[in-house]
């Protein structure tokens, strides 16, 4: 096959897909991009066996006797394309010996490809149901949950985002047993009630591709018992769902929290960042000493004799309380909120704190979020 393509347009599509390719492949063929040419459409595929990404783009066909395919080493092709300015390239692949010639105005470059017929086949695409989401809403859902997923390989179920679909809306949940985020969308609904666990790696890749497009688009999400299928713009993604049962996250959320603390979000966040510099690197612990109209945030590192404390105004209803939290978890959560104020609900120094956005007009709001953070034991 032989076709002409703009170097930068091809590079952009390949870079979007490259995140799925592992640097330590046990099968050389999955270290390649699979290119399939039919008429004036080039289809590019990349996979790590668990996730397959597909992109299409228009090209000018110079020679094609029938739909043809070739597998090209991904790293070498990317490295070549990065060196070109915005120029047309002619790519000529020989299906008999798998050589690929890349011709520009200045030179000709030959690299060895592989037999495309050995490239892994796509999984079956029969689905049990589907929903459609706006790309901005999906990016928001991923951003506000993925940071709370677990990195512990021993708890695979918590390494992904739990997705719960009902006729009333869609809920996304992430937890690592130390923190938890529950994010709900009321403007997206499913005809069927179902749930599954989205794997982290492909979901982040999807988010990055959507963000790079910088335009709102509809995203179609289909699913069956084992796979998820995502379609938008010129992209199609198939990924294997995380196997197993997700923890009962609702049981972890305290229902009776009589102590309510309202804070300016930016002031709270900046104070946490400053004070936590003085916390122990091992625990990242900060102490919150809460009274009726002010909050004192303090931290110390006994080994280095470092300590700091700072007082900020607050609104508080409840009994005076001292409670400890991991500063990293708190700052992460508050950073992902966008309201002027935050509401922290507490019941006891040994029980989880619940964080809500607060202070913006809630009327007509299409989403809601709850964040939970477990306390750490304070030294006397």
Protein backbone atom coordinates (compact mmCIF):
# COMPACT_ATOMS: atom_id res chain seq x y z
CA UNK A 1 0.00 0.00 0.00
CA UNK A 2 1.09 3.57 -0.65
CA UNK A 3 -0.43 6.78 0.68
CA UNK A 4 0.38 10.44 1.31
CA UNK A 5 -0.23 12.00 4.72
CA UNK A 6 0.62 15.19 6.59
CA UNK A 7 3.46 14.45 9.03
CA UNK A 8 2.07 16.45 11.96
CA UNK A 9 -1.47 15.10 11.61
CA UNK A 10 -0.16 11.55 11.60
CA UNK A 11 2.12 12.26 14.56
CA UNK A 12 -0.79 13.70 16.55
CA UNK A 13 -2.92 10.59 16.04
CA UNK A 14 -0.05 8.23 16.85
CA UNK A 15 0.84 10.11 20.03
CA UNK A 16 -2.78 9.86 21.17
CA UNK A 17 -2.59 6.07 20.86
CA UNK A 18 0.97 5.56 22.08
CA UNK A 19 0.11 5.68 25.79
CA UNK A 20 -1.40 2.21 25.63
CA UNK A 21 1.79 0.58 24.30
CA UNK A 22 3.92 -0.92 27.05
CA UNK A 23 7.70 -0.42 27.02
CA UNK A 24 8.22 -4.03 28.16
CA UNK A 25 6.32 -6.12 25.65
CA UNK A 26 6.53 -9.91 25.77
CA UNK A 27 5.23 -9.98 22.17
CA UNK A 28 7.13 -7.77 19.68
CA UNK A 29 4.03 -7.35 17.52
CA UNK A 30 2.20 -5.35 20.23
CA UNK A 31 5.08 -2.88 20.25
CA UNK A 32 3.85 -1.87 16.78
CA UNK A 33 1.17 0.38 15.37
CA UNK A 34 -1.20 -1.53 13.12
CA UNK A 35 -2.09 0.50 10.00
CA UNK A 36 -5.00 -0.45 7.78
CA UNK A 37 -5.72 1.43 4.56
CA UNK A 38 -9.06 1.33 2.79
CA UNK A 39 -9.83 3.86 0.07
CA UNK A 40 -8.85 7.24 1.55
CA UNK A 41 -9.15 6.29 5.23
CA UNK A 42 -6.23 5.17 7.36
CA UNK A 43 -7.14 3.22 10.51
CA UNK A 44 -4.43 3.05 13.19
CA UNK A 45 -4.55 0.58 16.07
CA UNK A 46 -2.48 0.13 19.25
CA UNK A 47 -2.92 -2.41 22.03
CA UNK A 48 -1.48 -3.88 25.22
CA UNK A 49 -3.88 -6.87 24.96
CA UNK A 50 -6.10 -5.50 27.76
CA UNK A 51 -6.85 -2.23 25.98
CA UNK A 52 -7.07 -1.47 22.26
CA UNK A 53 -7.18 2.08 20.88
CA UNK A 54 -8.24 2.83 17.31
CA UNK A 55 -8.03 6.13 15.43
CA UNK A 56 -8.98 7.03 11.87
CA UNK A 57 -7.78 9.84 9.62
CA UNK A 58 -8.08 10.85 5.96
CA UNK A 59 -5.12 10.31 3.63
CA UNK A 60 -4.46 10.62 -0.07
CA UNK A 61 -4.18 7.18 -1.59
CA UNK A 62 -1.37 6.83 -4.09
CA UNK A 63 -1.66 3.07 -4.67
CA UNK A 64 -3.96 0.43 -3.24
CA UNK A 65 -5.09 -2.70 -5.02
CA UNK A 66 -7.29 -3.79 -2.08
CA UNK A 67 -7.64 -2.94 1.64
CA UNK A 68 -4.12 -3.46 2.99
CA UNK A 69 -2.42 -3.50 6.38
CA UNK A 70 1.05 -3.22 7.91
CA UNK A 71 2.58 -3.27 11.41
CA UNK A 72 5.23 -0.60 12.10
CA UNK A 73 7.43 -0.42 15.24
CA UNK A 74 5.85 2.35 17.30
CA UNK A 75 8.92 3.89 18.90
CA UNK A 76 10.88 4.19 15.65
CA UNK A 77 7.94 5.63 13.73
CA UNK A 78 7.27 8.23 16.43
CA UNK A 79 10.94 9.19 16.59
CA UNK A 80 11.05 9.69 12.82
CA UNK A 81 7.88 11.78 12.66
CA UNK A 82 9.01 14.07 15.50
CA UNK A 83 11.93 15.26 13.36
CA UNK A 84 9.79 16.52 10.48
CA UNK A 85 8.23 19.94 10.10
CA UNK A 86 4.65 20.20 8.84
CA UNK A 87 5.27 18.43 5.52
CA UNK A 88 3.59 15.78 3.34
CA UNK A 89 5.06 12.28 3.60
CA UNK A 90 4.67 9.34 1.25
CA UNK A 91 4.51 6.00 3.07
CA UNK A 92 4.99 2.91 0.95
CA UNK A 93 4.61 -0.49 2.63
CA UNK A 94 5.47 -3.77 0.91
CA UNK A 95 3.09 -6.51 2.14
CA UNK A 96 5.43 -9.29 0.97
CA UNK A 97 8.64 -8.42 2.87
CA UNK A 98 7.07 -5.94 5.41
CA UNK A 99 9.48 -3.09 4.59
CA UNK A 100 8.20 0.46 4.96
CA UNK A 101 9.64 3.37 2.95
CA UNK A 102 8.97 6.91 4.19
CA UNK A 103 9.69 9.56 1.57
CA UNK A 104 9.87 13.29 2.22
CA UNK A 105 11.02 16.11 0.00
CA UNK A 106 14.53 15.77 1.40
CA UNK A 107 15.11 12.06 1.72
CA UNK A 108 13.99 8.47 1.91
CA UNK A 109 13.96 6.26 5.01
CA UNK A 110 13.40 2.53 5.18
CA UNK A 111 12.47 0.53 8.27
CA UNK A 112 11.50 -3.06 8.89
CA UNK A 113 7.90 -3.75 9.78
CA UNK A 114 6.18 -6.95 10.85
CA UNK A 115 3.48 -9.25 9.52
CA UNK A 116 0.23 -7.41 10.27
CA UNK A 117 -1.79 -10.63 10.08
CA UNK A 118 -0.27 -11.66 13.44
CA UNK A 119 -1.56 -8.53 15.17
CA UNK A 120 -4.06 -9.34 17.99
CA UNK A 121 -7.69 -9.31 16.90
CA UNK A 122 -10.23 -6.93 18.41
CA UNK A 123 -12.51 -8.34 21.16
CA UNK A 124 -16.13 -9.05 20.35
CA UNK A 125 -18.09 -5.81 20.38
CA UNK A 126 -21.58 -7.00 21.37
CA UNK A 127 -22.86 -4.76 24.15
CA UNK A 128 -25.53 -5.06 26.82
CA UNK A 129 -26.25 -1.35 27.09
CA UNK A 130 -25.05 2.15 26.37
CA UNK A 131 -25.04 5.74 27.57
CA UNK A 132 -23.94 8.99 25.97
CA UNK A 133 -22.01 11.64 27.91
CA UNK A 134 -20.69 15.04 27.01
CA UNK A 135 -16.88 14.95 26.85
CA UNK A 136 -16.51 17.79 29.39
CA UNK A 137 -18.70 15.89 31.86
CA UNK A 138 -16.66 12.71 31.42
CA UNK A 139 -13.37 14.59 31.88
CA UNK A 140 -14.79 16.13 35.06
CA UNK A 141 -15.87 12.73 36.39
CA UNK A 142 -12.44 11.21 35.74
CA UNK A 143 -10.49 14.16 37.17
CA UNK A 144 -12.49 14.20 40.38
CA UNK A 145 -12.18 10.48 41.08
CA UNK A 146 -9.10 8.89 39.52
CA UNK A 147 -6.66 10.44 42.03
CA UNK A 148 -8.39 8.50 44.83
CA UNK A 149 -7.89 5.06 43.24
CA UNK A 150 -5.50 2.58 44.82
CA UNK A 151 -2.03 1.75 43.51
CA UNK A 152 -1.91 -1.48 45.51
CA UNK A 153 -1.70 -4.44 43.11
CA UNK A 154 -3.07 -6.68 45.87
CA UNK A 155 -6.41 -4.84 45.70
CA UNK A 156 -7.17 -4.78 41.98
CA UNK A 157 -10.83 -3.87 42.50
CA UNK A 158 -9.85 -0.57 44.12
CA UNK A 159 -7.32 0.24 41.38
CA UNK A 160 -10.14 1.35 39.08
CA UNK A 161 -13.15 3.67 39.10
CA UNK A 162 -16.42 2.04 40.10
CA UNK A 163 -19.27 3.06 37.77
CA UNK A 164 -22.88 2.62 38.83
CA UNK A 165 -25.55 3.31 36.21
CA UNK A 166 -29.26 3.72 36.92
CA UNK A 167 -32.25 5.42 35.25
CA UNK A 168 -31.73 8.28 37.74
CA UNK A 169 -28.09 8.99 36.88
CA UNK A 170 -24.53 7.74 36.90
CA UNK A 171 -22.25 7.49 39.95
CA UNK A 172 -18.44 7.27 39.84
CA UNK A 173 -16.58 6.08 42.95
CA UNK A 174 -12.89 5.74 43.77
CA UNK A 175 -11.17 4.71 46.99
CA UNK A 176 -7.86 3.41 48.31
CA UNK A 177 -9.25 2.71 51.83
CA UNK A 178 -7.71 5.96 53.13
CA UNK A 179 -9.77 8.34 51.03
CA UNK A 180 -12.95 8.01 48.98
CA UNK A 181 -14.68 10.11 46.34
CA UNK A 182 -18.28 9.69 45.18
CA UNK A 183 -19.21 11.77 42.13
CA UNK A 184 -22.73 11.73 40.67
CA UNK A 185 -24.10 13.01 37.36
CA UNK A 186 -27.82 13.65 37.16
CA UNK A 187 -27.81 14.57 33.45
CA UNK A 188 -26.75 11.08 32.29
CA UNK A 189 -28.97 8.04 32.68
CA UNK A 190 -29.08 4.39 31.67
CA UNK A 191 -32.14 2.37 30.75
CA UNK A 192 -30.71 -0.53 32.75
CA UNK A 193 -29.31 -0.56 36.28
CA UNK A 194 -25.80 -1.98 36.20
CA UNK A 195 -22.30 -1.49 37.61
CA UNK A 196 -18.71 -2.27 36.66
CA UNK A 197 -15.14 -1.21 37.46
CA UNK A 198 -13.31 0.96 34.92
CA UNK A 199 -9.54 0.27 34.66
CA UNK A 200 -7.39 3.30 35.45
CA UNK A 201 -4.84 3.25 32.60
CA UNK A 202 -7.26 3.37 29.62
CA UNK A 203 -9.57 5.81 31.40
CA UNK A 204 -6.67 8.27 31.86
CA UNK A 205 -5.72 7.82 28.20
CA UNK A 206 -9.32 8.57 27.16
CA UNK A 207 -9.32 11.69 29.35
CA UNK A 208 -6.05 12.92 27.83
CA UNK A 209 -7.29 12.41 24.26
CA UNK A 210 -10.53 14.24 25.03
CA UNK A 211 -8.67 17.10 26.72
CA UNK A 212 -6.30 17.43 23.75
CA UNK A 213 -9.25 17.88 21.39
CA UNK A 214 -10.35 21.00 23.31
CA UNK A 215 -13.86 20.78 21.84
CA UNK A 216 -17.00 19.36 23.40
CA UNK A 217 -18.13 16.15 21.76
CA UNK A 218 -20.49 13.34 22.59
CA UNK A 219 -18.91 10.20 24.03
CA UNK A 220 -20.75 6.90 23.60
CA UNK A 221 -20.03 4.32 26.30
CA UNK A 222 -21.14 0.74 25.70
CA UNK A 223 -20.47 -2.30 27.87
CA UNK A 224 -20.94 -6.02 28.30
CA UNK A 225 -19.89 -8.44 31.04
CA UNK A 226 -16.17 -8.20 30.27
CA UNK A 227 -15.43 -5.14 28.13
CA UNK A 228 -16.10 -1.44 27.80
CA UNK A 229 -16.40 0.27 24.40
CA UNK A 230 -15.90 4.03 24.10
CA UNK A 231 -16.51 5.96 20.87
CA UNK A 232 -16.00 9.66 20.13
CA UNK A 233 -14.80 11.79 17.20
CA UNK A 234 -12.22 9.70 15.26
CA UNK A 235 -11.46 7.33 18.14
CA UNK A 236 -12.68 3.95 19.34
CA UNK A 237 -11.45 2.29 22.54
CA UNK A 238 -12.03 -1.23 23.83
CA UNK A 239 -10.80 -2.11 27.32
CA UNK A 240 -11.22 -5.06 29.64
CA UNK A 241 -13.18 -4.27 32.79
CA UNK A 242 -11.60 -4.92 36.19
CA UNK A 243 -12.78 -8.29 37.45
CA UNK A 244 -14.16 -8.67 40.98
CA UNK A 245 -16.62 -7.10 43.41
CA UNK A 246 -16.18 -3.50 44.49
CA UNK A 247 -16.24 -2.78 48.26
CA UNK A 248 -19.50 -1.58 49.79
CA UNK A 249 -18.52 2.09 49.72
CA UNK A 250 -21.83 3.34 51.14
CA UNK A 251 -21.14 1.45 54.39
CA UNK A 252 -17.90 3.44 54.81
CA UNK A 253 -19.66 6.83 54.75
CA UNK A 254 -20.72 7.98 58.24
CA UNK A 255 -24.39 8.98 58.23
CA UNK A 256 -24.57 10.96 61.50
CA UNK A 257 -22.14 13.89 61.48
CA UNK A 258 -23.37 16.59 63.88
CA UNK A 259 -20.21 18.75 63.78
CA UNK A 260 -20.15 21.04 60.75
CA UNK A 261 -17.18 23.20 59.71
CA UNK A 262 -17.38 25.79 56.90
CA UNK A 263 -14.14 27.25 55.51
CA UNK A 264 -12.94 29.45 52.69
CA UNK A 265 -11.57 26.86 50.28
CA UNK A 266 -8.53 28.74 48.98
CA UNK A 267 -7.48 29.95 52.42
CA UNK A 268 -7.84 26.43 53.84
CA UNK A 269 -5.89 24.92 50.95
CA UNK A 270 -3.00 27.40 51.11
CA UNK A 271 -2.71 27.10 54.88
CA UNK A 272 -2.58 23.30 54.62
CA UNK A 273 0.18 23.54 52.02
CA UNK A 274 2.25 25.89 54.19
CA UNK A 275 1.84 24.07 57.48
CA UNK A 276 2.30 20.58 56.00
CA UNK A 277 5.85 21.53 54.93
CA UNK A 278 6.72 21.17 58.63
CA UNK A 279 5.00 17.79 59.06
CA UNK A 280 6.82 14.49 59.34
CA UNK A 281 7.62 13.10 55.90
CA UNK A 282 6.66 9.64 57.11
CA UNK A 283 3.11 10.48 58.23
CA UNK A 284 2.31 13.85 56.59
CA UNK A 285 0.09 14.40 59.63
CA UNK A 286 -1.58 17.73 60.39
CA UNK A 287 -3.72 18.50 63.42
CA UNK A 288 -6.99 20.42 63.09
CA UNK A 289 -8.04 22.12 66.35
CA UNK A 290 -11.57 23.38 65.80
CA UNK A 291 -13.45 25.96 67.87
CA UNK A 292 -16.52 28.11 67.30
CA UNK A 293 -14.99 30.79 65.04
CA UNK A 294 -11.46 29.68 64.20
CA UNK A 295 -9.48 26.66 63.09
CA UNK A 296 -5.85 26.09 64.07
CA UNK A 297 -3.87 23.89 61.70
CA UNK A 298 -0.59 22.60 63.11
CA UNK A 299 2.15 20.13 62.25
CA UNK A 300 5.44 19.01 63.71
CA UNK A 301 8.40 16.80 62.92
CA UNK A 302 9.95 15.69 66.20
CA UNK A 303 13.05 14.23 64.57
CA UNK A 304 13.98 17.53 62.91
CA UNK A 305 12.46 19.82 65.58
CA UNK A 306 10.27 21.47 62.94
CA UNK A 307 6.81 22.76 63.79
CA UNK A 308 4.24 25.24 62.53
CA UNK A 309 0.71 26.36 63.29
CA UNK A 310 -1.67 28.83 61.69
CA UNK A 311 -5.13 30.04 62.58
CA UNK A 312 -7.86 30.80 60.03
CA UNK A 313 -11.45 31.98 60.55
CA UNK A 314 -14.29 29.50 60.16
CA UNK A 315 -17.94 28.84 60.89
CA UNK A 316 -18.41 25.87 63.19
CA UNK A 317 -21.39 24.20 64.74
CA UNK A 318 -20.49 21.46 67.20
CA UNK A 319 -18.26 20.54 70.10
CA UNK A 320 -14.60 21.69 70.11
CA UNK A 321 -12.48 18.97 68.53
CA UNK A 322 -8.90 18.01 67.72
CA UNK A 323 -8.58 15.63 64.78
CA UNK A 324 -5.64 14.53 62.64
CA UNK A 325 -5.48 13.96 58.88
CA UNK A 326 -2.91 13.15 56.23
CA UNK A 327 -2.14 16.56 54.68
CA UNK A 328 -1.52 15.11 51.22
CA UNK A 329 -4.98 13.55 51.11
CA UNK A 330 -6.68 16.75 52.30
CA UNK A 331 -4.90 19.03 49.82
CA UNK A 332 -5.61 16.65 46.93
CA UNK A 333 -9.31 16.61 47.68
CA UNK A 334 -9.71 20.33 48.21
CA UNK A 335 -7.72 21.05 45.04
CA UNK A 336 -10.30 19.20 42.96
CA UNK A 337 -13.21 21.26 44.29
CA UNK A 338 -14.12 24.56 42.65
CA UNK A 339 -16.49 26.29 45.06
CA UNK A 340 -15.65 29.33 47.19
CA UNK A 341 -16.12 27.40 50.41
CA UNK A 342 -15.99 23.82 51.65
CA UNK A 343 -18.13 22.06 54.25
CA UNK A 344 -16.44 19.48 56.47
CA UNK A 345 -18.74 17.21 58.46
CA UNK A 346 -17.32 15.38 61.50
CA UNK A 347 -18.61 13.08 64.21
CA UNK A 348 -15.58 11.95 66.27
CA UNK A 349 -11.75 12.18 66.04
CA UNK A 350 -11.63 8.45 65.26
CA UNK A 351 -14.18 8.54 62.43
CA UNK A 352 -13.91 9.72 58.84
CA UNK A 353 -14.41 13.33 57.85
CA UNK A 354 -16.76 14.15 54.97
CA UNK A 355 -15.96 17.04 52.61
CA UNK A 356 -18.53 18.75 50.37
CA UNK A 357 -18.35 21.77 48.06
CA UNK A 358 -20.19 24.72 49.61
CA UNK A 359 -21.02 28.30 48.77
CA UNK A 360 -22.10 28.22 45.12
CA UNK A 361 -25.68 28.27 43.93
CA UNK A 362 -26.88 24.65 43.95
CA UNK A 363 -30.07 25.28 41.93
CA UNK A 364 -30.00 23.47 38.60
CA UNK A 365 -26.77 21.71 39.44
CA UNK A 366 -26.21 18.58 37.35
CA UNK A 367 -23.64 16.91 39.57
CA UNK A 368 -22.74 16.42 43.21
CA UNK A 369 -19.63 15.20 44.95
CA UNK A 370 -18.76 13.74 48.34
CA UNK A 371 -15.20 13.22 49.56
CA UNK A 372 -14.24 11.12 52.56
CA UNK A 373 -10.88 11.06 54.33
CA UNK A 374 -9.90 8.77 57.16
CA UNK A 375 -8.34 10.36 60.29
CA UNK A 376 -4.91 9.54 61.71
CA UNK A 377 -4.28 9.04 65.42
CA UNK A 378 -2.94 12.09 67.20
CA UNK A 379 -0.13 11.89 69.72
CA UNK A 380 -0.98 13.39 73.09
